[in-house]
Amino acid sequence: MTYKITDECIACGSCLDSCPAEAIHDGDPIYKIDPSACIDCGVCVDTCPSEAIVEG
């Protein structure tokens, strides 16, 4: 299962910098996770200060 970013995202960039698979990209207005690139490691979940990343 991959992850998704909810509307709680504050677009701080911490998830973008932490993703080893480079699956997270700029969105409008919040970041987006490419499910085909996500390796389901959960690093982004641990680095998100607003708890905006959930399993999806």
C-alpha atoms as a PDB file:
ATOM      1  CA  MET A   1       0.000   0.000   0.000  1.00  0.00           C
ATOM      2  CA  THR A   2       1.271   3.461  -0.834  1.00  0.00           C
ATOM      3  CA  TYR A   3       0.732   6.750   0.957  1.00  0.00           C
ATOM      4  CA  LYS A   4      -1.212   9.887   0.118  1.00  0.00           C
ATOM      5  CA  ILE A   5      -1.006  13.474   1.304  1.00  0.00           C
ATOM      6  CA  THR A   6      -4.154  14.978   2.798  1.00  0.00           C
ATOM      7  CA  ASP A   7      -5.423  18.555   2.891  1.00  0.00           C
ATOM      8  CA  GLU A   8      -3.599  18.953   6.214  1.00  0.00           C
ATOM      9  CA  CYS A   9      -0.386  19.480   4.197  1.00  0.00           C
ATOM     10  CA  ILE A  10       1.314  22.801   4.917  1.00  0.00           C
ATOM     11  CA  ALA A  11       3.691  22.449   1.929  1.00  0.00           C
ATOM     12  CA  CYS A  12       6.786  22.698   4.134  1.00  0.00           C
ATOM     13  CA  GLY A  13       8.866  20.363   1.949  1.00  0.00           C
ATOM     14  CA  SER A  14      10.072  17.992   4.658  1.00  0.00           C
ATOM     15  CA  CYS A  15       8.525  14.985   2.903  1.00  0.00           C
ATOM     16  CA  LEU A  16       9.940  16.043  -0.443  1.00  0.00           C
ATOM     17  CA  ASP A  17      13.463  16.107   0.974  1.00  0.00           C
ATOM     18  CA  SER A  18      13.081  12.790   2.818  1.00  0.00           C
ATOM     19  CA  CYS A  19      11.651  10.562   0.071  1.00  0.00           C
ATOM     20  CA  PRO A  20      14.320   8.086  -1.112  1.00  0.00           C
ATOM     21  CA  ALA A  21      12.252   7.157  -4.175  1.00  0.00           C
ATOM     22  CA  GLU A  22      11.660  10.764  -5.284  1.00  0.00           C
ATOM     23  CA  ALA A  23       7.940   9.929  -5.425  1.00  0.00           C
ATOM     24  CA  ILE A  24       6.797  13.246  -3.954  1.00  0.00           C
ATOM     25  CA  HIS A  25       6.269  16.245  -6.210  1.00  0.00           C
ATOM     26  CA  ASP A  26       4.940  19.776  -6.015  1.00  0.00           C
ATOM     27  CA  GLY A  27       1.206  20.035  -6.307  1.00  0.00           C
ATOM     28  CA  ASP A  28      -1.215  22.897  -6.264  1.00  0.00           C
ATOM     29  CA  PRO A  29      -1.393  23.845  -3.432  1.00  0.00           C
ATOM     30  CA  ILE A  30      -0.119  20.724  -1.592  1.00  0.00           C
ATOM     31  CA  TYR A  31       2.448  18.069  -2.420  1.00  0.00           C
ATOM     32  CA  LYS A  32       1.434  14.874  -4.219  1.00  0.00           C
ATOM     33  CA  ILE A  33       2.791  11.316  -4.005  1.00  0.00           C
ATOM     34  CA  ASP A  34       3.142   9.347  -7.233  1.00  0.00           C
ATOM     35  CA  PRO A  35       1.745   5.917  -6.270  1.00  0.00           C
ATOM     36  CA  SER A  36       3.673   4.169  -9.038  1.00  0.00           C
ATOM     37  CA  ALA A  37       6.969   5.509  -7.667  1.00  0.00           C
ATOM     38  CA  CYS A  38       6.222   5.148  -3.938  1.00  0.00           C
ATOM     39  CA  ILE A  39       8.138   2.251  -2.355  1.00  0.00           C
ATOM     40  CA  ASP A  40       5.979   2.196   0.796  1.00  0.00           C
ATOM     41  CA  CYS A  41       8.885   2.917   3.137  1.00  0.00           C
ATOM     42  CA  GLY A  42       7.030   5.359   5.416  1.00  0.00           C
ATOM     43  CA  VAL A  43       9.901   7.818   5.787  1.00  0.00           C
ATOM     44  CA  CYS A  44       7.660  10.684   4.658  1.00  0.00           C
ATOM     45  CA  VAL A  45       5.132   9.853   7.378  1.00  0.00           C
ATOM     46  CA  ASP A  46       7.797  10.172  10.040  1.00  0.00           C
ATOM     47  CA  THR A  47       9.049  13.532   8.771  1.00  0.00           C
ATOM     48  CA  CYS A  48       5.698  15.270   8.227  1.00  0.00           C
ATOM     49  CA  PRO A  49       5.151  17.855  10.997  1.00  0.00           C
ATOM     50  CA  SER A  50       1.427  18.223  10.250  1.00  0.00           C
ATOM     51  CA  GLU A  51       0.670  14.474  10.109  1.00  0.00           C
ATOM     52  CA  ALA A  52      -0.757  14.975   6.626  1.00  0.00           C
ATOM     53  CA  ILE A  53       0.510  11.703   5.141  1.00  0.00           C
ATOM     54  CA  VAL A  54      -1.638   8.615   5.508  1.00  0.00           C
ATOM     55  CA  GLU A  55      -1.847   5.144   4.021  1.00  0.00           C
ATOM     56  CA  GLY A  56      -3.979   5.257   0.972  1.00  0.00           C
END
